């Protein structure tokens, strides 16, 4: 974990409200789906996909649990098969009742600290639609905290999506990250 990541975690320690940052379990899939649905910004995948995510990609994802042990926030990701040094952050969301506490940044820092050590990841990729200012701020500040360059380019033009109303997905590439 970099000094900036340690400072962020130290400034936002787990409290009785956020007692645990943990690996997701299959049983968390429904709660994660609800958090994504209620975000009103994320593309909502099927509930089945969140169950699979908690089973197949748990090692590259994290949840924050509330006092009752239920997820209140999550970050999901995977290591790209053709670029094992790159972690793709699929989704990050925080339950409405727990927003404004920098929990998304804490989860993102904790996940990247974990995968840089365990898997040799040196770069973070994600896509953000132009209207998603919260995600833009999250990943821009993440790059600054880590002293890592951030590049942006359109990965999927809106016209590529079959529904015809999707905004472009802009690829954010952050790295190289410090070990």
C-alpha atoms as a PDB file:
ATOM      1  CA  UNK A   1       0.000   0.000   0.000  1.00  0.00           C
ATOM      2  CA  UNK A   2       1.376   3.431  -0.869  1.00  0.00           C
ATOM      3  CA  UNK A   3       1.756   6.152   1.747  1.00  0.00           C
ATOM      4  CA  UNK A   4      -1.210   8.001   0.203  1.00  0.00           C
ATOM      5  CA  UNK A   5      -3.372   4.876   0.451  1.00  0.00           C
ATOM      6  CA  UNK A   6      -2.308   4.330   4.068  1.00  0.00           C
ATOM      7  CA  UNK A   7      -3.164   7.971   4.865  1.00  0.00           C
ATOM      8  CA  UNK A   8      -6.631   7.576   3.318  1.00  0.00           C
ATOM      9  CA  UNK A   9      -7.365   4.386   5.232  1.00  0.00           C
ATOM     10  CA  UNK A  10      -5.994   5.984   8.430  1.00  0.00           C
ATOM     11  CA  UNK A  11      -8.189   9.065   7.891  1.00  0.00           C
ATOM     12  CA  UNK A  12     -11.226   6.814   7.324  1.00  0.00           C
ATOM     13  CA  UNK A  13     -10.761   3.912   9.725  1.00  0.00           C
ATOM     14  CA  UNK A  14     -13.424   1.258  10.101  1.00  0.00           C
ATOM     15  CA  UNK A  15     -15.863   2.364  12.785  1.00  0.00           C
ATOM     16  CA  UNK A  16     -18.936   0.816  14.279  1.00  0.00           C
ATOM     17  CA  UNK A  17     -20.673   2.042  11.145  1.00  0.00           C
ATOM     18  CA  UNK A  18     -18.073   0.439   8.839  1.00  0.00           C
ATOM     19  CA  UNK A  19     -16.719  -2.420  10.894  1.00  0.00           C
ATOM     20  CA  UNK A  20     -15.341  -4.501   8.097  1.00  0.00           C
ATOM     21  CA  UNK A  21     -13.929  -4.386   4.591  1.00  0.00           C
ATOM     22  CA  UNK A  22     -14.186  -7.924   3.348  1.00  0.00           C
ATOM     23  CA  UNK A  23     -14.141 -10.272   0.386  1.00  0.00           C
ATOM     24  CA  UNK A  24     -17.664 -10.714  -0.997  1.00  0.00           C
ATOM     25  CA  UNK A  25     -19.478 -13.994  -0.513  1.00  0.00           C
ATOM     26  CA  UNK A  26     -22.118 -15.471  -2.809  1.00  0.00           C
ATOM     27  CA  UNK A  27     -24.745 -14.553  -0.219  1.00  0.00           C
ATOM     28  CA  UNK A  28     -23.805 -10.873  -0.775  1.00  0.00           C
ATOM     29  CA  UNK A  29     -24.840 -10.949  -4.439  1.00  0.00           C
ATOM     30  CA  UNK A  30     -28.423  -9.805  -3.843  1.00  0.00           C
ATOM     31  CA  UNK A  31     -27.370  -6.864  -1.654  1.00  0.00           C
ATOM     32  CA  UNK A  32     -24.713  -5.820  -4.149  1.00  0.00           C
ATOM     33  CA  UNK A  33     -27.305  -5.978  -6.946  1.00  0.00           C
ATOM     34  CA  UNK A  34     -29.636  -3.724  -4.895  1.00  0.00           C
ATOM     35  CA  UNK A  35     -26.853  -1.199  -4.216  1.00  0.00           C
ATOM     36  CA  UNK A  36     -26.030  -1.107  -7.954  1.00  0.00           C
ATOM     37  CA  UNK A  37     -29.727  -0.743  -8.859  1.00  0.00           C
ATOM     38  CA  UNK A  38     -30.269   2.045  -6.356  1.00  0.00           C
ATOM     39  CA  UNK A  39     -27.160   3.934  -7.476  1.00  0.00           C
ATOM     40  CA  UNK A  40     -29.163   5.298 -10.430  1.00  0.00           C
ATOM     41  CA  UNK A  41     -25.902   5.660 -12.374  1.00  0.00           C
ATOM     42  CA  UNK A  42     -24.471   2.201 -12.916  1.00  0.00           C
ATOM     43  CA  UNK A  43     -25.545  -0.104 -15.698  1.00  0.00           C
ATOM     44  CA  UNK A  44     -27.508  -2.727 -13.830  1.00  0.00           C
ATOM     45  CA  UNK A  45     -26.535  -6.282 -14.643  1.00  0.00           C
ATOM     46  CA  UNK A  46     -28.775  -9.254 -13.922  1.00  0.00           C
ATOM     47  CA  UNK A  47     -29.004 -10.396 -10.308  1.00  0.00           C
ATOM     48  CA  UNK A  48     -27.512 -13.692 -11.491  1.00  0.00           C
ATOM     49  CA  UNK A  49     -24.366 -11.895 -12.677  1.00  0.00           C
ATOM     50  CA  UNK A  50     -23.788 -10.399  -9.219  1.00  0.00           C
ATOM     51  CA  UNK A  51     -24.060 -13.864  -7.670  1.00  0.00           C
ATOM     52  CA  UNK A  52     -21.513 -15.156 -10.175  1.00  0.00           C
ATOM     53  CA  UNK A  53     -19.296 -12.144  -9.545  1.00  0.00           C
ATOM     54  CA  UNK A  54     -19.239 -12.917  -5.809  1.00  0.00           C
ATOM     55  CA  UNK A  55     -18.287 -16.494  -6.594  1.00  0.00           C
ATOM     56  CA  UNK A  56     -15.858 -16.158  -9.508  1.00  0.00           C
ATOM     57  CA  UNK A  57     -14.264 -12.738  -8.944  1.00  0.00           C
ATOM     58  CA  UNK A  58     -14.358 -12.444  -5.157  1.00  0.00           C
ATOM     59  CA  UNK A  59     -10.548 -12.341  -4.997  1.00  0.00           C
ATOM     60  CA  UNK A  60     -10.551  -9.110  -7.024  1.00  0.00           C
ATOM     61  CA  UNK A  61     -13.550  -7.475  -5.349  1.00  0.00           C
ATOM     62  CA  UNK A  62     -14.387  -6.069  -1.910  1.00  0.00           C
ATOM     63  CA  UNK A  63     -17.424  -5.120   0.152  1.00  0.00           C
ATOM     64  CA  UNK A  64     -17.850  -2.829   3.134  1.00  0.00           C
ATOM     65  CA  UNK A  65     -20.222  -4.236   5.716  1.00  0.00           C
ATOM     66  CA  UNK A  66     -22.512  -2.322   8.038  1.00  0.00           C
ATOM     67  CA  UNK A  67     -23.139  -3.197  11.675  1.00  0.00           C
ATOM     68  CA  UNK A  68     -25.516  -5.970  10.682  1.00  0.00           C
ATOM     69  CA  UNK A  69     -22.899  -7.563   8.425  1.00  0.00           C
ATOM     70  CA  UNK A  70     -24.773  -6.642   5.252  1.00  0.00           C
ATOM     71  CA  UNK A  71     -22.904  -4.954   2.375  1.00  0.00           C
ATOM     72  CA  UNK A  72     -23.239  -1.170   2.305  1.00  0.00           C
ATOM     73  CA  UNK A  73     -20.723  -0.593  -0.500  1.00  0.00           C
ATOM     74  CA  UNK A  74     -18.739  -2.619  -2.993  1.00  0.00           C
ATOM     75  CA  UNK A  75     -16.052  -2.537  -5.636  1.00  0.00           C
ATOM     76  CA  UNK A  76     -15.876  -5.291  -8.246  1.00  0.00           C
ATOM     77  CA  UNK A  77     -12.972  -5.964 -10.541  1.00  0.00           C
ATOM     78  CA  UNK A  78     -11.055  -8.554 -12.486  1.00  0.00           C
ATOM     79  CA  UNK A  79      -7.556  -9.013 -13.843  1.00  0.00           C
ATOM     80  CA  UNK A  80      -7.512  -8.808 -17.622  1.00  0.00           C
ATOM     81  CA  UNK A  81      -6.650 -12.228 -19.076  1.00  0.00           C
ATOM     82  CA  UNK A  82      -4.541 -10.724 -21.876  1.00  0.00           C
ATOM     83  CA  UNK A  83      -2.898  -8.109 -19.616  1.00  0.00           C
ATOM     84  CA  UNK A  84      -2.382  -9.643 -16.149  1.00  0.00           C
ATOM     85  CA  UNK A  85      -0.776  -6.438 -14.890  1.00  0.00           C
ATOM     86  CA  UNK A  86      -4.109  -4.603 -15.338  1.00  0.00           C
ATOM     87  CA  UNK A  87      -7.009  -4.626 -12.881  1.00  0.00           C
ATOM     88  CA  UNK A  88     -10.299  -3.660 -14.495  1.00  0.00           C
ATOM     89  CA  UNK A  89     -12.594  -2.023 -11.961  1.00  0.00           C
ATOM     90  CA  UNK A  90     -16.064  -3.036 -13.109  1.00  0.00           C
ATOM     91  CA  UNK A  91     -18.299  -1.212 -10.646  1.00  0.00           C
ATOM     92  CA  UNK A  92     -18.043   0.827  -7.462  1.00  0.00           C
ATOM     93  CA  UNK A  93     -21.128   1.819  -5.497  1.00  0.00           C
ATOM     94  CA  UNK A  94     -22.073   2.993  -2.037  1.00  0.00           C
ATOM     95  CA  UNK A  95     -25.532   2.694  -0.522  1.00  0.00           C
ATOM     96  CA  UNK A  96     -27.269   6.094  -0.400  1.00  0.00           C
ATOM     97  CA  UNK A  97     -27.347   6.135   3.419  1.00  0.00           C
ATOM     98  CA  UNK A  98     -23.549   5.793   3.579  1.00  0.00           C
ATOM     99  CA  UNK A  99     -22.413   8.257   0.916  1.00  0.00           C
ATOM    100  CA  UNK A 100     -20.209  11.264   1.531  1.00  0.00           C
ATOM    101  CA  UNK A 101     -17.701   9.423   3.725  1.00  0.00           C
ATOM    102  CA  UNK A 102     -15.091   8.598   1.055  1.00  0.00           C
ATOM    103  CA  UNK A 103     -15.950   4.917   1.350  1.00  0.00           C
ATOM    104  CA  UNK A 104     -15.609   4.351  -2.414  1.00  0.00           C
ATOM    105  CA  UNK A 105     -12.034   5.673  -2.275  1.00  0.00           C
ATOM    106  CA  UNK A 106     -11.207   3.527   0.746  1.00  0.00           C
ATOM    107  CA  UNK A 107     -12.516   0.411  -1.033  1.00  0.00           C
ATOM    108  CA  UNK A 108     -10.657   1.251  -4.253  1.00  0.00           C
ATOM    109  CA  UNK A 109      -7.410   1.825  -2.352  1.00  0.00           C
ATOM    110  CA  UNK A 110      -7.825  -1.375  -0.345  1.00  0.00           C
ATOM    111  CA  UNK A 111      -8.548  -3.434  -3.455  1.00  0.00           C
ATOM    112  CA  UNK A 112      -5.623  -2.101  -5.449  1.00  0.00           C
ATOM    113  CA  UNK A 113      -3.289  -2.529  -2.470  1.00  0.00           C
ATOM    114  CA  UNK A 114      -4.417  -6.147  -2.275  1.00  0.00           C
ATOM    115  CA  UNK A 115      -4.009  -6.977  -5.973  1.00  0.00           C
ATOM    116  CA  UNK A 116      -0.715  -5.154  -6.434  1.00  0.00           C
ATOM    117  CA  UNK A 117       0.750  -7.319  -3.684  1.00  0.00           C
ATOM    118  CA  UNK A 118      -0.955 -10.621  -4.470  1.00  0.00           C
ATOM    119  CA  UNK A 119      -1.171 -10.487  -8.253  1.00  0.00           C
ATOM    120  CA  UNK A 120       1.443  -8.016  -9.446  1.00  0.00           C
ATOM    121  CA  UNK A 121      -1.104  -5.563 -10.819  1.00  0.00           C
ATOM    122  CA  UNK A 122       0.516  -2.278 -11.857  1.00  0.00           C
ATOM    123  CA  UNK A 123      -2.342  -0.536 -13.646  1.00  0.00           C
ATOM    124  CA  UNK A 124      -6.028   0.175 -13.080  1.00  0.00           C
ATOM    125  CA  UNK A 125      -8.525   0.418 -15.915  1.00  0.00           C
ATOM    126  CA  UNK A 126     -12.174   1.373 -15.760  1.00  0.00           C
ATOM    127  CA  UNK A 127     -14.737   2.963 -18.007  1.00  0.00           C
ATOM    128  CA  UNK A 128     -16.792   6.008 -17.127  1.00  0.00           C
ATOM    129  CA  UNK A 129     -19.620   7.633 -19.060  1.00  0.00           C
ATOM    130  CA  UNK A 130     -19.266  11.395 -19.573  1.00  0.00           C
ATOM    131  CA  UNK A 131     -22.243  12.131 -17.305  1.00  0.00           C
ATOM    132  CA  UNK A 132     -20.872  10.173 -14.323  1.00  0.00           C
ATOM    133  CA  UNK A 133     -19.118  12.971 -12.453  1.00  0.00           C
ATOM    134  CA  UNK A 134     -18.837  10.980  -9.200  1.00  0.00           C
ATOM    135  CA  UNK A 135     -16.823   8.221 -10.919  1.00  0.00           C
ATOM    136  CA  UNK A 136     -14.709  10.777 -12.749  1.00  0.00           C
ATOM    137  CA  UNK A 137     -13.845  12.418  -9.403  1.00  0.00           C
ATOM    138  CA  UNK A 138     -13.196   9.035  -7.746  1.00  0.00           C
ATOM    139  CA  UNK A 139     -10.717   7.820 -10.360  1.00  0.00           C
ATOM    140  CA  UNK A 140      -9.078  11.217 -10.928  1.00  0.00           C
ATOM    141  CA  UNK A 141      -8.439  11.588  -7.192  1.00  0.00           C
ATOM    142  CA  UNK A 142      -7.238   7.961  -7.018  1.00  0.00           C
ATOM    143  CA  UNK A 143      -4.633   8.696  -9.710  1.00  0.00           C
ATOM    144  CA  UNK A 144      -3.498  11.840  -7.863  1.00  0.00           C
ATOM    145  CA  UNK A 145      -3.243  10.035  -4.498  1.00  0.00           C
ATOM    146  CA  UNK A 146      -1.060   7.401  -6.124  1.00  0.00           C
ATOM    147  CA  UNK A 147       1.046   9.807  -8.174  1.00  0.00           C
ATOM    148  CA  UNK A 148       0.094   7.809 -11.260  1.00  0.00           C
ATOM    149  CA  UNK A 149      -0.627   9.120 -14.739  1.00  0.00           C
ATOM    150  CA  UNK A 150      -4.228   8.984 -15.945  1.00  0.00           C
ATOM    151  CA  UNK A 151      -5.128   8.736 -19.618  1.00  0.00           C
ATOM    152  CA  UNK A 152      -8.630   8.803 -21.107  1.00  0.00           C
ATOM    153  CA  UNK A 153      -9.885   7.625 -24.462  1.00  0.00           C
ATOM    154  CA  UNK A 154     -13.223   6.449 -25.789  1.00  0.00           C
ATOM    155  CA  UNK A 155     -13.305   2.664 -25.587  1.00  0.00           C
ATOM    156  CA  UNK A 156     -16.855   2.057 -26.815  1.00  0.00           C
ATOM    157  CA  UNK A 157     -18.703   4.729 -28.757  1.00  0.00           C
ATOM    158  CA  UNK A 158     -22.362   5.090 -27.817  1.00  0.00           C
ATOM    159  CA  UNK A 159     -23.405   3.855 -31.259  1.00  0.00           C
ATOM    160  CA  UNK A 160     -21.887   0.439 -30.541  1.00  0.00           C
ATOM    161  CA  UNK A 161     -24.565  -0.355 -27.956  1.00  0.00           C
ATOM    162  CA  UNK A 162     -27.650  -2.079 -29.370  1.00  0.00           C
ATOM    163  CA  UNK A 163     -30.130   0.009 -27.402  1.00  0.00           C
ATOM    164  CA  UNK A 164     -28.879   3.113 -29.210  1.00  0.00           C
ATOM    165  CA  UNK A 165     -29.175   5.424 -26.203  1.00  0.00           C
ATOM    166  CA  UNK A 166     -26.008   4.546 -24.308  1.00  0.00           C
ATOM    167  CA  UNK A 167     -23.384   7.200 -23.742  1.00  0.00           C
ATOM    168  CA  UNK A 168     -19.814   6.444 -24.785  1.00  0.00           C
ATOM    169  CA  UNK A 169     -17.729   4.456 -22.317  1.00  0.00           C
ATOM    170  CA  UNK A 170     -14.462   6.330 -21.769  1.00  0.00           C
ATOM    171  CA  UNK A 171     -11.504   4.165 -20.763  1.00  0.00           C
ATOM    172  CA  UNK A 172      -9.548   5.528 -17.820  1.00  0.00           C
ATOM    173  CA  UNK A 173      -6.101   3.942 -17.587  1.00  0.00           C
ATOM    174  CA  UNK A 174      -4.192   4.715 -14.386  1.00  0.00           C
ATOM    175  CA  UNK A 175      -0.612   3.611 -13.981  1.00  0.00           C
ATOM    176  CA  UNK A 176       1.975   2.521 -13.521  1.00  0.00           C
ATOM    177  CA  UNK A 177       1.173   2.147  -9.829  1.00  0.00           C
ATOM    178  CA  UNK A 178       3.850   1.987  -7.160  1.00  0.00           C
ATOM    179  CA  UNK A 179       4.492  -1.434  -5.690  1.00  0.00           C
END
